[in-house]
Amino acid sequence: MCLAVPGKVVKIENDGAVVDYEGEKRKARLLNKEVKEGDYVVVQSNLIIQKVPEKEAIEAINTWNDVLENEG
């Protein structure tokens, strides 16, 4: 099973984007031209596959952070 944590698009470059995962930035290929800087997205295999509403993205990120904090 694979879990995807949303990241925030911080830069659009041609057919690619830079996605920020709370300080860790990664490049992903942009398939949906409607995605803009500031949007939250889900990336799989270096492809942006889904745009996520900001409220849902922040809830998912906070939940993930809680899990990681309680893991140790």
Protein backbone atom coordinates (compact mmCIF):
# COMPACT_ATOMS: atom_id res chain seq x y z
CA MET A 1 0.00 0.00 0.00
CA CYS A 2 1.23 3.48 -0.84
CA LEU A 3 0.28 6.64 1.03
CA ALA A 4 0.66 10.03 -0.57
CA VAL A 5 1.09 13.23 1.44
CA PRO A 6 0.08 16.45 -0.32
CA GLY A 7 2.72 19.03 -1.15
CA LYS A 8 2.48 22.68 -2.13
CA VAL A 9 3.44 23.82 -5.64
CA VAL A 10 6.00 26.59 -5.21
CA LYS A 11 7.18 26.99 -8.80
CA ILE A 12 5.94 26.09 -12.29
CA GLU A 13 8.57 25.48 -14.98
CA ASN A 14 7.30 24.58 -18.47
CA ASP A 15 5.75 21.11 -18.06
CA GLY A 16 7.11 20.62 -14.55
CA ALA A 17 6.65 21.96 -11.05
CA VAL A 18 8.60 22.20 -7.82
CA VAL A 19 6.57 20.76 -4.94
CA ASP A 20 7.43 21.64 -1.34
CA TYR A 21 6.91 19.02 1.36
CA GLU A 22 7.49 21.23 4.42
CA GLY A 23 11.05 22.13 3.46
CA GLU A 24 11.93 19.24 1.15
CA LYS A 25 11.45 20.29 -2.44
CA ARG A 26 11.01 17.85 -5.31
CA LYS A 27 10.36 18.18 -9.01
CA ALA A 28 7.29 16.61 -10.57
CA ARG A 29 5.84 16.53 -14.06
CA LEU A 30 2.78 18.69 -14.56
CA LEU A 31 0.03 16.94 -16.52
CA ASN A 32 -2.86 19.25 -15.58
CA LYS A 33 -2.30 22.79 -16.80
CA GLU A 34 -4.90 24.06 -14.30
CA VAL A 35 -2.48 23.55 -11.38
CA LYS A 36 -0.97 26.83 -10.26
CA GLU A 37 1.66 28.00 -7.80
CA GLY A 38 0.23 27.79 -4.29
CA ASP A 39 -1.97 24.75 -5.04
CA TYR A 40 -1.65 21.56 -3.02
CA VAL A 41 -1.15 18.38 -5.04
CA VAL A 42 -0.58 14.66 -4.75
CA VAL A 43 2.41 13.26 -6.64
CA GLN A 44 2.96 9.65 -7.65
CA SER A 45 5.95 8.41 -9.66
CA ASN A 46 7.07 12.03 -10.16
CA LEU A 47 3.72 12.92 -11.79
CA ILE A 48 1.22 15.37 -10.31
CA ILE A 49 -1.91 13.22 -10.35
CA GLN A 50 -4.37 15.26 -8.31
CA LYS A 51 -5.03 18.76 -7.04
CA VAL A 52 -6.19 18.77 -3.40
CA PRO A 53 -8.30 21.47 -1.72
CA GLU A 54 -6.13 23.48 0.69
CA LYS A 55 -8.18 22.62 3.79
CA GLU A 56 -8.00 18.87 3.09
CA ALA A 57 -4.28 19.08 2.30
CA ILE A 58 -3.47 20.87 5.55
CA GLU A 59 -5.55 18.36 7.54
CA ALA A 60 -3.69 15.45 5.88
CA ILE A 61 -0.29 17.06 6.50
CA ASN A 62 -1.13 17.73 10.17
CA THR A 63 -2.36 14.15 10.64
CA TRP A 64 0.81 12.78 9.05
CA ASN A 65 2.97 15.00 11.30
CA ASP A 66 1.07 13.73 14.38
CA VAL A 67 1.71 10.12 13.35
CA LEU A 68 5.41 10.78 12.87
CA GLU A 69 5.73 12.58 16.22
CA ASN A 70 4.03 9.70 18.09
CA GLU A 71 6.02 7.01 16.29
CA GLY A 72 9.17 7.26 18.38
